[in-house]
């Protein structure tokens, strides 16, 4: 079967064939925030009438206006929130698919109450680990100013890099990503220390990592602090002005997890005052990051536009499994439901 029977909609054309399916119509599917325009080429979308939106909908009214005729919406991570208010204004929506199996920006309970099925996909953890190390290395060796000077025919060498070997890597969180970070840190010859609220010595010992006696101790002794925690009420604002003041003036803070774990205003103030040496950032409370924002201009910030999961392997998985979710939904047996 190539479509579902929907009241009041007849005579639709099946995508790619030009043939009428009569009373059976193909559902309309919107893929949001396809920044690179690659989604439609990474999976077989032939069972739905699919449209890819490359530009981000900043205004909620614009989002609702664009999606009001779609029964299926595929979203990328947490780029576009779907709270109850948005769901209320999309009466045709029947299936919402997110990349990954967790999305804090979707009100899953509200969706369920409105008859909307929410499904997810697999998501690999190697890509964000690799980007985190790119940021750490970029900061330590001042790659941005050095590369910029070279391209602009500027000075030949103007900075002195920081060695990672023998330094301390502090990990806030030692889960799937944090544990990979620890292994690479040890390979660089770093002393790795970790902390999270329920982290045990049994876990750190198994990974060859020291358990910090507390968050403050980790911040004060680390040369590089890297955040790998899930955003929750417990972790929101975990690193604020007081915590940043505990860090060493020559230390770096790296956040590829969730922006709200670190107080953004406090971080900007600390960077401007030189209370820490720099920050490597891939996540921001407002995305895309507004033009002229401090994180775009501060000389001691190395920032990327939320690229942690943006790799060929992850994107291929996201969109192939999104299509699998659609096929299962059309068959009446949804999979990977949230």
Foldseek 3Di string as FASTA:
>chain_A
DLAQQDPPDAQEAQPPPRDTPGRGDAFEEEEEQPQVPCLPVLADPRSHNYDYDNDHDPDLVVVLVVQQRGQEYEYEAASDAAELVSVVSRLNHAEYEYEDLDHPRYPQVSCVVSNHFYFYFHADQPLLLVVLVVLVQCLQAVVVVQVVCVVVVHDNDDDDGHQLAAFEEEEEDCPPNNLVNLVVSVVSNHQYEYDDDPDDPVVQVVSVHHYAPDLLRSQQRHQEYEYDDADDPVQFQCAALVSLLSHQLAHEYEYLHEARSHDPVSVLVCLVVSSHQAYEYQYDPDPPPDPPDSLVPRSRYHYDPSCRRPDPVRSSRGSHVVSVQVVCVRVVHGPRTD
